[in-house]
PDB file of N, CA and C in Angstrom:
ATOM      1  N   MET A   1       0.848  -1.172   0.000  1.00  0.00           N
ATOM      2  CA  MET A   1       0.000   0.000   0.000  1.00  0.00           C
ATOM      3  C   MET A   1       0.894   1.236   0.000  1.00  0.00           C
ATOM      4  N   GLU A   2       0.495   2.233  -0.782  1.00  0.00           N
ATOM      5  CA  GLU A   2       1.247   3.480  -0.865  1.00  0.00           C
ATOM      6  C   GLU A   2       0.565   4.539  -0.009  1.00  0.00           C
ATOM      7  N   LYS A   3       1.376   5.419   0.577  1.00  0.00           N
ATOM      8  CA  LYS A   3       0.857   6.518   1.391  1.00  0.00           C
ATOM      9  C   LYS A   3       1.462   7.800   0.847  1.00  0.00           C
ATOM     10  N   ARG A   4       0.606   8.780   0.567  1.00  0.00           N
ATOM     11  CA  ARG A   4       1.091  10.038   0.015  1.00  0.00           C
ATOM     12  C   ARG A   4       0.429  11.210   0.740  1.00  0.00           C
ATOM     13  N   THR A   5       1.223  12.238   1.036  1.00  0.00           N
ATOM     14  CA  THR A   5       0.694  13.463   1.631  1.00  0.00           C
ATOM     15  C   THR A   5       0.721  14.553   0.570  1.00  0.00           C
ATOM     16  N   LEU A   6      -0.420  15.207   0.405  1.00  0.00           N
ATOM     17  CA  LEU A   6      -0.588  16.241  -0.610  1.00  0.00           C
ATOM     18  C   LEU A   6      -0.990  17.554   0.036  1.00  0.00           C
ATOM     19  N   THR A   7      -0.611  18.647  -0.568  1.00  0.00           N
ATOM     20  CA  THR A   7      -1.147  19.952  -0.187  1.00  0.00           C
ATOM     21  C   THR A   7      -2.249  20.273  -1.174  1.00  0.00           C
ATOM     22  N   CYS A   8      -3.458  20.387  -0.679  1.00  0.00           N
ATOM     23  CA  CYS A   8      -4.607  20.619  -1.551  1.00  0.00           C
ATOM     24  C   CYS A   8      -4.520  22.003  -2.191  1.00  0.00           C
ATOM     25  N   ILE A   9      -4.842  22.079  -3.470  1.00  0.00           N
ATOM     26  CA  ILE A   9      -4.859  23.353  -4.190  1.00  0.00           C
ATOM     27  C   ILE A   9      -6.284  23.733  -4.596  1.00  0.00           C
ATOM     28  N   GLY A  10      -7.271  23.050  -4.020  1.00  0.00           N
ATOM     29  CA  GLY A  10      -8.668  23.281  -4.381  1.00  0.00           C
ATOM     30  C   GLY A  10      -9.245  24.575  -3.843  1.00  0.00           C
ATOM     31  N   CYS A  11      -8.727  25.073  -2.740  1.00  0.00           N
ATOM     32  CA  CYS A  11      -9.197  26.339  -2.158  1.00  0.00           C
ATOM     33  C   CYS A  11      -8.038  26.957  -1.384  1.00  0.00           C
ATOM     34  N   PRO A  12      -8.211  28.152  -0.853  1.00  0.00           N
ATOM     35  CA  PRO A  12      -7.108  28.825  -0.153  1.00  0.00           C
ATOM     36  C   PRO A  12      -6.653  28.173   1.160  1.00  0.00           C
ATOM     37  N   MET A  13      -7.397  27.199   1.684  1.00  0.00           N
ATOM     38  CA  MET A  13      -7.026  26.570   2.958  1.00  0.00           C
ATOM     39  C   MET A  13      -5.697  25.811   2.873  1.00  0.00           C
ATOM     40  N   GLY A  14      -5.403  25.178   1.746  1.00  0.00           N
ATOM     41  CA  GLY A  14      -4.148  24.441   1.581  1.00  0.00           C
ATOM     42  C   GLY A  14      -4.006  23.278   2.543  1.00  0.00           C
ATOM     43  N   CYS A  15      -5.062  22.520   2.714  1.00  0.00           N
ATOM     44  CA  CYS A  15      -5.051  21.390   3.660  1.00  0.00           C
ATOM     45  C   CYS A  15      -3.973  20.368   3.299  1.00  0.00           C
ATOM     46  N   GLN A  16      -3.396  19.765   4.332  1.00  0.00           N
ATOM     47  CA  GLN A  16      -2.458  18.657   4.165  1.00  0.00           C
ATOM     48  C   GLN A  16      -3.285  17.377   4.198  1.00  0.00           C
ATOM     49  N   ILE A  17      -3.399  16.720   3.064  1.00  0.00           N
ATOM     50  CA  ILE A  17      -4.240  15.536   2.942  1.00  0.00           C
ATOM     51  C   ILE A  17      -3.344  14.309   2.813  1.00  0.00           C
ATOM     52  N   THR A  18      -3.632  13.299   3.599  1.00  0.00           N
ATOM     53  CA  THR A  18      -2.901  12.040   3.532  1.00  0.00           C
ATOM     54  C   THR A  18      -3.812  10.991   2.907  1.00  0.00           C
ATOM     55  N   VAL A  19      -3.286  10.316   1.903  1.00  0.00           N
ATOM     56  CA  VAL A  19      -4.056   9.303   1.182  1.00  0.00           C
ATOM     57  C   VAL A  19      -3.285   7.988   1.236  1.00  0.00           C
ATOM     58  N   GLU A  20      -3.971   6.929   1.624  1.00  0.00           N
ATOM     59  CA  GLU A  20      -3.420   5.581   1.554  1.00  0.00           C
ATOM     60  C   GLU A  20      -4.170   4.862   0.448  1.00  0.00           C
ATOM     61  N   PHE A  21      -3.406   4.317  -0.514  1.00  0.00           N
ATOM     62  CA  PHE A  21      -4.046   3.726  -1.688  1.00  0.00           C
ATOM     63  C   PHE A  21      -3.159   2.657  -2.301  1.00  0.00           C
ATOM     64  N   GLU A  22      -3.771   1.873  -3.143  1.00  0.00           N
ATOM     65  CA  GLU A  22      -3.048   0.889  -3.939  1.00  0.00           C
ATOM     66  C   GLU A  22      -3.698   0.887  -5.308  1.00  0.00           C
ATOM     67  N   GLY A  23      -2.924   1.244  -6.340  1.00  0.00           N
ATOM     68  CA  GLY A  23      -3.498   1.389  -7.678  1.00  0.00           C
ATOM     69  C   GLY A  23      -4.545   2.476  -7.652  1.00  0.00           C
ATOM     70  N   GLU A  24      -5.763   2.123  -8.026  1.00  0.00           N
ATOM     71  CA  GLU A  24      -6.861   3.093  -8.020  1.00  0.00           C
ATOM     72  C   GLU A  24      -7.769   2.947  -6.806  1.00  0.00           C
ATOM     73  N   GLU A  25      -7.448   2.015  -5.918  1.00  0.00           N
ATOM     74  CA  GLU A  25      -8.278   1.803  -4.732  1.00  0.00           C
ATOM     75  C   GLU A  25      -7.743   2.630  -3.573  1.00  0.00           C
ATOM     76  N   ILE A  26      -8.603   3.498  -3.039  1.00  0.00           N
ATOM     77  CA  ILE A  26      -8.237   4.362  -1.920  1.00  0.00           C
ATOM     78  C   ILE A  26      -8.777   3.736  -0.642  1.00  0.00           C
ATOM     79  N   PHE A  27      -7.874   3.538   0.327  1.00  0.00           N
ATOM     80  CA  PHE A  27      -8.245   2.915   1.590  1.00  0.00           C
ATOM     81  C   PHE A  27      -8.548   3.946   2.665  1.00  0.00           C
ATOM     82  N   SER A  28      -7.818   5.070   2.652  1.00  0.00           N
ATOM     83  CA  SER A  28      -8.110   6.131   3.616  1.00  0.00           C
ATOM     84  C   SER A  28      -7.672   7.467   3.049  1.00  0.00           C
ATOM     85  N   LEU A  29      -8.421   8.496   3.420  1.00  0.00           N
ATOM     86  CA  LEU A  29      -8.150   9.860   2.986  1.00  0.00           C
ATOM     87  C   LEU A  29      -8.482  10.756   4.174  1.00  0.00           C
ATOM     88  N   THR A  30      -7.460  11.444   4.720  1.00  0.00           N
ATOM     89  CA  THR A  30      -7.672  12.283   5.900  1.00  0.00           C
ATOM     90  C   THR A  30      -6.990  13.633   5.716  1.00  0.00           C
ATOM     91  N   GLY A  31      -7.496  14.622   6.464  1.00  0.00           N
ATOM     92  CA  GLY A  31      -6.868  15.942   6.488  1.00  0.00           C
ATOM     93  C   GLY A  31      -7.615  17.009   5.716  1.00  0.00           C
ATOM     94  N   ASN A  32      -8.526  16.613   4.838  1.00  0.00           N
ATOM     95  CA  ASN A  32      -9.270  17.618   4.084  1.00  0.00           C
ATOM     96  C   ASN A  32     -10.383  18.202   4.963  1.00  0.00           C
ATOM     97  N   THR A  33     -10.674  19.478   4.751  1.00  0.00           N
ATOM     98  CA  THR A  33     -11.751  20.120   5.510  1.00  0.00           C
ATOM     99  C   THR A  33     -12.997  20.345   4.665  1.00  0.00           C
ATOM    100  N   CYS A  34     -12.923  19.984   3.384  1.00  0.00           N
ATOM    101  CA  CYS A  34     -14.103  20.164   2.532  1.00  0.00           C
ATOM    102  C   CYS A  34     -14.123  19.097   1.433  1.00  0.00           C
ATOM    103  N   ALA A  35     -15.233  19.038   0.723  1.00  0.00           N
ATOM    104  CA  ALA A  35     -15.406  18.052  -0.347  1.00  0.00           C
ATOM    105  C   ALA A  35     -14.456  18.318  -1.517  1.00  0.00           C
ATOM    106  N   ILE A  36     -14.058  19.561  -1.705  1.00  0.00           N
ATOM    107  CA  ILE A  36     -13.116  19.890  -2.789  1.00  0.00           C
ATOM    108  C   ILE A  36     -11.800  19.156  -2.556  1.00  0.00           C
ATOM    109  N   GLY A  37     -11.337  19.133  -1.321  1.00  0.00           N
ATOM    110  CA  GLY A  37     -10.095  18.442  -0.981  1.00  0.00           C
ATOM    111  C   GLY A  37     -10.195  16.951  -1.209  1.00  0.00           C
ATOM    112  N   ASP A  38     -11.328  16.380  -0.874  1.00  0.00           N
ATOM    113  CA  ASP A  38     -11.546  14.956  -1.099  1.00  0.00           C
ATOM    114  C   ASP A  38     -11.448  14.640  -2.589  1.00  0.00           C
ATOM    115  N   LYS A  39     -12.135  15.425  -3.387  1.00  0.00           N
ATOM    116  CA  LYS A  39     -12.125  15.214  -4.846  1.00  0.00           C
ATOM    117  C   LYS A  39     -10.721  15.421  -5.413  1.00  0.00           C
ATOM    118  N   TYR A  40     -10.037  16.491  -4.984  1.00  0.00           N
ATOM    119  CA  TYR A  40      -8.693  16.785  -5.472  1.00  0.00           C
ATOM    120  C   TYR A  40      -7.735  15.624  -5.174  1.00  0.00           C
ATOM    121  N   ALA A  41      -7.735  15.152  -3.929  1.00  0.00           N
ATOM    122  CA  ALA A  41      -6.795  14.103  -3.524  1.00  0.00           C
ATOM    123  C   ALA A  41      -7.054  12.806  -4.286  1.00  0.00           C
ATOM    124  N   ARG A  42      -8.310  12.434  -4.431  1.00  0.00           N
ATOM    125  CA  ARG A  42      -8.645  11.207  -5.169  1.00  0.00           C
ATOM    126  C   ARG A  42      -8.164  11.304  -6.619  1.00  0.00           C
ATOM    127  N   GLN A  43      -8.400  12.440  -7.241  1.00  0.00           N
ATOM    128  CA  GLN A  43      -7.976  12.657  -8.630  1.00  0.00           C
ATOM    129  C   GLN A  43      -6.450  12.633  -8.727  1.00  0.00           C
ATOM    130  N   GLU A  44      -5.792  13.297  -7.801  1.00  0.00           N
ATOM    131  CA  GLU A  44      -4.333  13.446  -7.853  1.00  0.00           C
ATOM    132  C   GLU A  44      -3.606  12.115  -7.716  1.00  0.00           C
ATOM    133  N   VAL A  45      -4.100  11.203  -6.902  1.00  0.00           N
ATOM    134  CA  VAL A  45      -3.389   9.936  -6.722  1.00  0.00           C
ATOM    135  C   VAL A  45      -3.791   8.878  -7.743  1.00  0.00           C
ATOM    136  N   THR A  46      -4.937   9.034  -8.404  1.00  0.00           N
ATOM    137  CA  THR A  46      -5.357   8.015  -9.370  1.00  0.00           C
ATOM    138  C   THR A  46      -5.154   8.445 -10.820  1.00  0.00           C
ATOM    139  N   HIS A  47      -5.485   9.697 -11.147  1.00  0.00           N
ATOM    140  CA  HIS A  47      -5.375  10.200 -12.531  1.00  0.00           C
ATOM    141  C   HIS A  47      -4.993  11.684 -12.510  1.00  0.00           C
ATOM    142  N   PRO A  48      -3.745  12.005 -12.160  1.00  0.00           N
ATOM    143  CA  PRO A  48      -3.363  13.423 -12.073  1.00  0.00           C
ATOM    144  C   PRO A  48      -3.435  14.114 -13.431  1.00  0.00           C
ATOM    145  N   GLU A  49      -3.906  15.354 -13.400  1.00  0.00           N
ATOM    146  CA  GLU A  49      -4.050  16.163 -14.612  1.00  0.00           C
ATOM    147  C   GLU A  49      -3.518  17.560 -14.351  1.00  0.00           C
ATOM    148  N   ARG A  50      -3.136  18.228 -15.426  1.00  0.00           N
ATOM    149  CA  ARG A  50      -2.637  19.594 -15.328  1.00  0.00           C
ATOM    150  C   ARG A  50      -3.068  20.399 -16.549  1.00  0.00           C
ATOM    151  N   VAL A  51      -3.127  21.722 -16.372  1.00  0.00           N
ATOM    152  CA  VAL A  51      -3.220  22.662 -17.488  1.00  0.00           C
ATOM    153  C   VAL A  51      -1.781  22.992 -17.844  1.00  0.00           C
ATOM    154  N   VAL A  52      -1.468  22.986 -19.136  1.00  0.00           N
ATOM    155  CA  VAL A  52      -0.114  23.299 -19.601  1.00  0.00           C
ATOM    156  C   VAL A  52      -0.120  24.707 -20.187  1.00  0.00           C
ATOM    157  N   THR A  53       0.825  25.528 -19.770  1.00  0.00           N
ATOM    158  CA  THR A  53       0.985  26.872 -20.324  1.00  0.00           C
ATOM    159  C   THR A  53       2.363  26.985 -20.957  1.00  0.00           C
ATOM    160  N   SER A  54       2.441  27.719 -22.058  1.00  0.00           N
ATOM    161  CA  SER A  54       3.711  27.869 -22.753  1.00  0.00           C
ATOM    162  C   SER A  54       3.595  29.047 -23.721  1.00  0.00           C
ATOM    163  N   THR A  55       4.483  29.070 -24.701  1.00  0.00           N
ATOM    164  CA  THR A  55       4.423  30.062 -25.777  1.00  0.00           C
ATOM    165  C   THR A  55       4.641  29.355 -27.105  1.00  0.00           C
ATOM    166  N   VAL A  56       4.187  29.991 -28.178  1.00  0.00           N
ATOM    167  CA  VAL A  56       4.438  29.483 -29.528  1.00  0.00           C
ATOM    168  C   VAL A  56       5.082  30.581 -30.359  1.00  0.00           C
ATOM    169  N   VAL A  57       5.827  30.159 -31.373  1.00  0.00           N
ATOM    170  CA  VAL A  57       6.441  31.084 -32.316  1.00  0.00           C
ATOM    171  C   VAL A  57       5.340  31.696 -33.180  1.00  0.00           C
ATOM    172  N   VAL A  58       5.434  33.008 -33.391  1.00  0.00           N
ATOM    173  CA  VAL A  58       4.479  33.722 -34.244  1.00  0.00           C
ATOM    174  C   VAL A  58       5.221  34.227 -35.470  1.00  0.00           C
ATOM    175  N   GLU A  59       4.695  33.893 -36.638  1.00  0.00           N
ATOM    176  CA  GLU A  59       5.262  34.388 -37.901  1.00  0.00           C
ATOM    177  C   GLU A  59       4.437  35.575 -38.374  1.00  0.00           C
ATOM    178  N   GLY A  60       5.140  36.638 -38.779  1.00  0.00           N
ATOM    179  CA  GLY A  60       4.474  37.826 -39.286  1.00  0.00           C
ATOM    180  C   GLY A  60       3.801  38.650 -38.213  1.00  0.00           C
ATOM    181  N   GLY A  61       4.250  38.485 -36.986  1.00  0.00           N
ATOM    182  CA  GLY A  61       3.612  39.196 -35.882  1.00  0.00           C
ATOM    183  C   GLY A  61       4.437  40.353 -35.367  1.00  0.00           C
ATOM    184  N   ALA A  62       3.784  41.225 -34.607  1.00  0.00           N
ATOM    185  CA  ALA A  62       4.465  42.345 -33.963  1.00  0.00           C
ATOM    186  C   ALA A  62       5.424  41.831 -32.895  1.00  0.00           C
ATOM    187  N   LYS A  63       5.168  40.641 -32.380  1.00  0.00           N
ATOM    188  CA  LYS A  63       6.047  39.969 -31.419  1.00  0.00           C
ATOM    189  C   LYS A  63       6.426  38.610 -31.990  1.00  0.00           C
ATOM    190  N   ASP A  64       7.555  38.066 -31.533  1.00  0.00           N
ATOM    191  CA  ASP A  64       8.045  36.776 -32.032  1.00  0.00           C
ATOM    192  C   ASP A  64       7.291  35.578 -31.462  1.00  0.00           C
ATOM    193  N   ARG A  65       6.693  35.750 -30.270  1.00  0.00           N
ATOM    194  CA  ARG A  65       5.998  34.648 -29.598  1.00  0.00           C
ATOM    195  C   ARG A  65       4.730  35.189 -28.944  1.00  0.00           C
ATOM    196  N   THR A  66       3.807  34.268 -28.672  1.00  0.00           N
ATOM    197  CA  THR A  66       2.637  34.610 -27.868  1.00  0.00           C
ATOM    198  C   THR A  66       2.325  33.445 -26.939  1.00  0.00           C
ATOM    199  N   SER A  67       1.637  33.745 -25.864  1.00  0.00           N
ATOM    200  CA  SER A  67       1.338  32.730 -24.858  1.00  0.00           C
ATOM    201  C   SER A  67       0.156  31.859 -25.264  1.00  0.00           C
ATOM    202  N   VAL A  68       0.224  30.598 -24.830  1.00  0.00           N
ATOM    203  CA  VAL A  68      -0.828  29.619 -25.099  1.00  0.00           C
ATOM    204  C   VAL A  68      -1.030  28.753 -23.865  1.00  0.00           C
ATOM    205  N   LYS A  69      -2.154  28.030 -23.834  1.00  0.00           N
ATOM    206  CA  LYS A  69      -2.403  27.068 -22.764  1.00  0.00           C
ATOM    207  C   LYS A  69      -3.365  26.016 -23.266  1.00  0.00           C
ATOM    208  N   THR A  70      -3.373  24.883 -22.568  1.00  0.00           N
ATOM    209  CA  THR A  70      -4.388  23.892 -22.890  1.00  0.00           C
ATOM    210  C   THR A  70      -5.711  24.432 -22.369  1.00  0.00           C
ATOM    211  N   LYS A  71      -6.762  24.204 -23.132  1.00  0.00           N
ATOM    212  CA  LYS A  71      -8.074  24.750 -22.772  1.00  0.00           C
ATOM    213  C   LYS A  71      -8.650  24.064 -21.536  1.00  0.00           C
ATOM    214  N   GLY A  72      -8.107  22.934 -21.181  1.00  0.00           N
ATOM    215  CA  GLY A  72      -8.520  22.199 -19.988  1.00  0.00           C
ATOM    216  C   GLY A  72      -7.369  21.347 -19.503  1.00  0.00           C
ATOM    217  N   ASN A  73      -7.642  20.512 -18.546  1.00  0.00           N
ATOM    218  CA  ASN A  73      -6.612  19.617 -18.006  1.00  0.00           C
ATOM    219  C   ASN A  73      -6.288  18.506 -18.987  1.00  0.00           C
ATOM    220  N   ILE A  74      -5.018  18.105 -18.975  1.00  0.00           N
ATOM    221  CA  ILE A  74      -4.581  16.925 -19.719  1.00  0.00           C
ATOM    222  C   ILE A  74      -3.917  15.974 -18.729  1.00  0.00           C
ATOM    223  N   PRO A  75      -3.855  14.685 -19.047  1.00  0.00           N
ATOM    224  CA  PRO A  75      -3.173  13.760 -18.142  1.00  0.00           C
ATOM    225  C   PRO A  75      -1.723  14.191 -17.916  1.00  0.00           C
ATOM    226  N   LYS A  76      -1.287  14.112 -16.678  1.00  0.00           N
ATOM    227  CA  LYS A  76       0.065  14.549 -16.322  1.00  0.00           C
ATOM    228  C   LYS A  76       1.133  13.813 -17.134  1.00  0.00           C
ATOM    229  N   ASP A  77       0.888  12.555 -17.457  1.00  0.00           N
ATOM    230  CA  ASP A  77       1.887  11.798 -18.209  1.00  0.00           C
ATOM    231  C   ASP A  77       1.956  12.197 -19.680  1.00  0.00           C
ATOM    232  N   LYS A  78       1.110  13.116 -20.113  1.00  0.00           N
ATOM    233  CA  LYS A  78       1.139  13.612 -21.502  1.00  0.00           C
ATOM    234  C   LYS A  78       1.795  14.992 -21.612  1.00  0.00           C
ATOM    235  N   ILE A  79       2.261  15.558 -20.490  1.00  0.00           N
ATOM    236  CA  ILE A  79       2.793  16.922 -20.510  1.00  0.00           C
ATOM    237  C   ILE A  79       3.974  17.065 -21.471  1.00  0.00           C
ATOM    238  N   PHE A  80       4.962  16.176 -21.407  1.00  0.00           N
ATOM    239  CA  PHE A  80       6.138  16.322 -22.263  1.00  0.00           C
ATOM    240  C   PHE A  80       5.781  16.149 -23.731  1.00  0.00           C
ATOM    241  N   GLU A  81       4.904  15.215 -24.029  1.00  0.00           N
ATOM    242  CA  GLU A  81       4.437  15.026 -25.406  1.00  0.00           C
ATOM    243  C   GLU A  81       3.689  16.275 -25.892  1.00  0.00           C
ATOM    244  N   CYS A  82       2.885  16.851 -25.026  1.00  0.00           N
ATOM    245  CA  CYS A  82       2.161  18.082 -25.346  1.00  0.00           C
ATOM    246  C   CYS A  82       3.139  19.223 -25.619  1.00  0.00           C
ATOM    247  N   MET A  83       4.163  19.342 -24.783  1.00  0.00           N
ATOM    248  CA  MET A  83       5.158  20.405 -24.975  1.00  0.00           C
ATOM    249  C   MET A  83       5.916  20.230 -26.294  1.00  0.00           C
ATOM    250  N   GLU A  84       6.203  19.005 -26.676  1.00  0.00           N
ATOM    251  CA  GLU A  84       6.850  18.767 -27.969  1.00  0.00           C
ATOM    252  C   GLU A  84       5.961  19.280 -29.102  1.00  0.00           C
ATOM    253  N   ALA A  85       4.674  19.007 -29.023  1.00  0.00           N
ATOM    254  CA  ALA A  85       3.727  19.472 -30.050  1.00  0.00           C
ATOM    255  C   ALA A  85       3.653  20.994 -30.064  1.00  0.00           C
ATOM    256  N   ILE A  86       3.604  21.608 -28.888  1.00  0.00           N
ATOM    257  CA  ILE A  86       3.551  23.072 -28.800  1.00  0.00           C
ATOM    258  C   ILE A  86       4.816  23.683 -29.386  1.00  0.00           C
ATOM    259  N   ASN A  87       5.969  23.090 -29.113  1.00  0.00           N
ATOM    260  CA  ASN A  87       7.234  23.638 -29.605  1.00  0.00           C
ATOM    261  C   ASN A  87       7.360  23.568 -31.122  1.00  0.00           C
ATOM    262  N   GLU A  88       6.579  22.725 -31.774  1.00  0.00           N
ATOM    263  CA  GLU A  88       6.617  22.617 -33.234  1.00  0.00           C
ATOM    264  C   GLU A  88       5.718  23.641 -33.933  1.00  0.00           C
ATOM    265  N   VAL A  89       4.838  24.290 -33.184  1.00  0.00           N
ATOM    266  CA  VAL A  89       3.854  25.209 -33.774  1.00  0.00           C
ATOM    267  C   VAL A  89       4.511  26.479 -34.287  1.00  0.00           C
ATOM    268  N   ARG A  90       4.083  26.892 -35.470  1.00  0.00           N
ATOM    269  CA  ARG A  90       4.428  28.183 -36.049  1.00  0.00           C
ATOM    270  C   ARG A  90       3.103  28.827 -36.419  1.00  0.00           C
ATOM    271  N   ALA A  91       2.629  29.746 -35.575  1.00  0.00           N
ATOM    272  CA  ALA A  91       1.322  30.368 -35.771  1.00  0.00           C
ATOM    273  C   ALA A  91       1.473  31.626 -36.608  1.00  0.00           C
ATOM    274  N   GLN A  92       0.472  31.890 -37.432  1.00  0.00           N
ATOM    275  CA  GLN A  92       0.488  33.056 -38.313  1.00  0.00           C
ATOM    276  C   GLN A  92      -0.307  34.196 -37.685  1.00  0.00           C
ATOM    277  N   ALA A  93       0.319  35.363 -37.553  1.00  0.00           N
ATOM    278  CA  ALA A  93      -0.368  36.549 -37.030  1.00  0.00           C
ATOM    279  C   ALA A  93      -1.368  37.044 -38.072  1.00  0.00           C
ATOM    280  N   PRO A  94      -2.417  37.696 -37.655  1.00  0.00           N
ATOM    281  CA  PRO A  94      -2.766  38.068 -36.297  1.00  0.00           C
ATOM    282  C   PRO A  94      -3.414  36.908 -35.544  1.00  0.00           C
ATOM    283  N   LEU A  95      -3.249  36.926 -34.223  1.00  0.00           N
ATOM    284  CA  LEU A  95      -3.843  35.908 -33.357  1.00  0.00           C
ATOM    285  C   LEU A  95      -4.659  36.594 -32.265  1.00  0.00           C
ATOM    286  N   LYS A  96      -5.783  36.004 -31.956  1.00  0.00           N
ATOM    287  CA  LYS A  96      -6.671  36.543 -30.922  1.00  0.00           C
ATOM    288  C   LYS A  96      -6.812  35.533 -29.788  1.00  0.00           C
ATOM    289  N   ILE A  97      -7.057  36.029 -28.598  1.00  0.00           N
ATOM    290  CA  ILE A  97      -7.295  35.166 -27.437  1.00  0.00           C
ATOM    291  C   ILE A  97      -8.378  34.151 -27.789  1.00  0.00           C
ATOM    292  N   GLY A  98      -8.088  32.889 -27.531  1.00  0.00           N
ATOM    293  CA  GLY A  98      -9.053  31.826 -27.794  1.00  0.00           C
ATOM    294  C   GLY A  98      -8.841  31.110 -29.114  1.00  0.00           C
ATOM    295  N   ASP A  99      -8.018  31.678 -30.011  1.00  0.00           N
ATOM    296  CA  ASP A  99      -7.721  30.986 -31.269  1.00  0.00           C
ATOM    297  C   ASP A  99      -7.072  29.641 -30.966  1.00  0.00           C
ATOM    298  N   VAL A 100      -7.500  28.608 -31.658  1.00  0.00           N
ATOM    299  CA  VAL A 100      -6.937  27.270 -31.462  1.00  0.00           C
ATOM    300  C   VAL A 100      -5.678  27.137 -32.312  1.00  0.00           C
ATOM    301  N   VAL A 101      -4.551  26.791 -31.668  1.00  0.00           N
ATOM    302  CA  VAL A 101      -3.308  26.570 -32.408  1.00  0.00           C
ATOM    303  C   VAL A 101      -3.009  25.083 -32.562  1.00  0.00           C
ATOM    304  N   ILE A 102      -3.562  24.251 -31.674  1.00  0.00           N
ATOM    305  CA  ILE A 102      -3.479  22.793 -31.818  1.00  0.00           C
ATOM    306  C   ILE A 102      -4.825  22.218 -31.382  1.00  0.00           C
ATOM    307  N   LYS A 103      -5.475  21.524 -32.286  1.00  0.00           N
ATOM    308  CA  LYS A 103      -6.741  20.863 -31.957  1.00  0.00           C
ATOM    309  C   LYS A 103      -6.431  19.481 -31.398  1.00  0.00           C
ATOM    310  N   ASP A 104      -7.088  19.098 -30.310  1.00  0.00           N
ATOM    311  CA  ASP A 104      -6.965  17.760 -29.721  1.00  0.00           C
ATOM    312  C   ASP A 104      -5.493  17.368 -29.528  1.00  0.00           C
ATOM    313  N   VAL A 105      -4.767  18.169 -28.767  1.00  0.00           N
ATOM    314  CA  VAL A 105      -3.335  17.945 -28.589  1.00  0.00           C
ATOM    315  C   VAL A 105      -3.065  16.528 -28.059  1.00  0.00           C
ATOM    316  N   CYS A 106      -2.239  15.815 -28.762  1.00  0.00           N
ATOM    317  CA  CYS A 106      -1.782  14.470 -28.373  1.00  0.00           C
ATOM    318  C   CYS A 106      -2.925  13.507 -28.083  1.00  0.00           C
ATOM    319  N   GLY A 107      -4.047  13.689 -28.765  1.00  0.00           N
ATOM    320  CA  GLY A 107      -5.178  12.790 -28.590  1.00  0.00           C
ATOM    321  C   GLY A 107      -5.871  12.902 -27.243  1.00  0.00           C
ATOM    322  N   THR A 108      -5.700  14.031 -26.560  1.00  0.00           N
ATOM    323  CA  THR A 108      -6.296  14.219 -25.239  1.00  0.00           C
ATOM    324  C   THR A 108      -7.734  14.727 -25.299  1.00  0.00           C
ATOM    325  N   GLY A 109      -8.149  15.213 -26.477  1.00  0.00           N
ATOM    326  CA  GLY A 109      -9.465  15.834 -26.587  1.00  0.00           C
ATOM    327  C   GLY A 109      -9.459  17.290 -26.162  1.00  0.00           C
ATOM    328  N   VAL A 110      -8.285  17.829 -25.833  1.00  0.00           N
ATOM    329  CA  VAL A 110      -8.148  19.197 -25.344  1.00  0.00           C
ATOM    330  C   VAL A 110      -7.363  20.013 -26.369  1.00  0.00           C
ATOM    331  N   ASP A 111      -7.861  21.211 -26.665  1.00  0.00           N
ATOM    332  CA  ASP A 111      -7.190  22.104 -27.606  1.00  0.00           C
ATOM    333  C   ASP A 111      -6.171  22.984 -26.884  1.00  0.00           C
ATOM    334  N   VAL A 112      -5.176  23.450 -27.642  1.00  0.00           N
ATOM    335  CA  VAL A 112      -4.235  24.471 -27.150  1.00  0.00           C
ATOM    336  C   VAL A 112      -4.672  25.792 -27.766  1.00  0.00           C
ATOM    337  N   VAL A 113      -4.892  26.799 -26.928  1.00  0.00           N
ATOM    338  CA  VAL A 113      -5.433  28.062 -27.385  1.00  0.00           C
ATOM    339  C   VAL A 113      -4.517  29.231 -27.022  1.00  0.00           C
ATOM    340  N   VAL A 114      -4.639  30.306 -27.794  1.00  0.00           N
ATOM    341  CA  VAL A 114      -3.892  31.530 -27.572  1.00  0.00           C
ATOM    342  C   VAL A 114      -4.459  32.246 -26.338  1.00  0.00           C
ATOM    343  N   THR A 115      -3.567  32.779 -25.508  1.00  0.00           N
ATOM    344  CA  THR A 115      -4.012  33.511 -24.310  1.00  0.00           C
ATOM    345  C   THR A 115      -3.634  34.984 -24.336  1.00  0.00           C
ATOM    346  N   LYS A 116      -2.995  35.437 -25.426  1.00  0.00           N
ATOM    347  CA  LYS A 116      -2.660  36.850 -25.552  1.00  0.00           C
ATOM    348  C   LYS A 116      -2.729  37.238 -27.023  1.00  0.00           C
ATOM    349  N   ASN A 117      -3.432  38.313 -27.318  1.00  0.00           N
ATOM    350  CA  ASN A 117      -3.534  38.783 -28.694  1.00  0.00           C
ATOM    351  C   ASN A 117      -2.164  39.110 -29.261  1.00  0.00           C
ATOM    352  N   CYS A 118      -2.002  38.851 -30.548  1.00  0.00           N
ATOM    353  CA  CYS A 118      -0.748  39.183 -31.227  1.00  0.00           C
ATOM    354  C   CYS A 118      -1.105  39.750 -32.589  1.00  0.00           C
ATOM    355  N   ASP A 119      -0.859  41.044 -32.760  1.00  0.00           N
ATOM    356  CA  ASP A 119      -1.166  41.718 -34.011  1.00  0.00           C
ATOM    357  C   ASP A 119      -0.129  41.389 -35.080  1.00  0.00           C
ATOM    358  N   ALA A 120      -0.526  41.587 -36.327  1.00  0.00           N
ATOM    359  CA  ALA A 120       0.417  41.433 -37.433  1.00  0.00           C
ATOM    360  C   ALA A 120       1.419  42.572 -37.390  1.00  0.00           C
ATOM    361  N   ALA A 121       2.595  42.308 -37.954  1.00  0.00           N
ATOM    362  CA  ALA A 121       3.660  43.316 -37.949  1.00  0.00           C
ATOM    363  C   ALA A 121       3.307  44.488 -38.831  1.00  0.00           C
TER     364      ALA A 121
END
């Protein structure tokens, strides 16, 4: 059985949550003060996910790069593969917040979108 202590990021309380689990079966979860912490800890030890933020190269833009992020969470084990895909992108200016630069990144079902406008040069 594995035991892990996490600092919850679900709310400003930052509870120290201890989870005892094996594979996807959770045997005990203590330390959370709300249901958000319970949900966060269960997700974190069984299927951790993250939002990825980065930048992409912009061609023909007033700036050389603009910021991007995944529109939602992706599996943590796909982060490096996602970053490789993001690093290959060459986006054409102008770009607006919300423009999709990669659809369904790495088969996750999540798009990578622009988070800062970039005008043409």
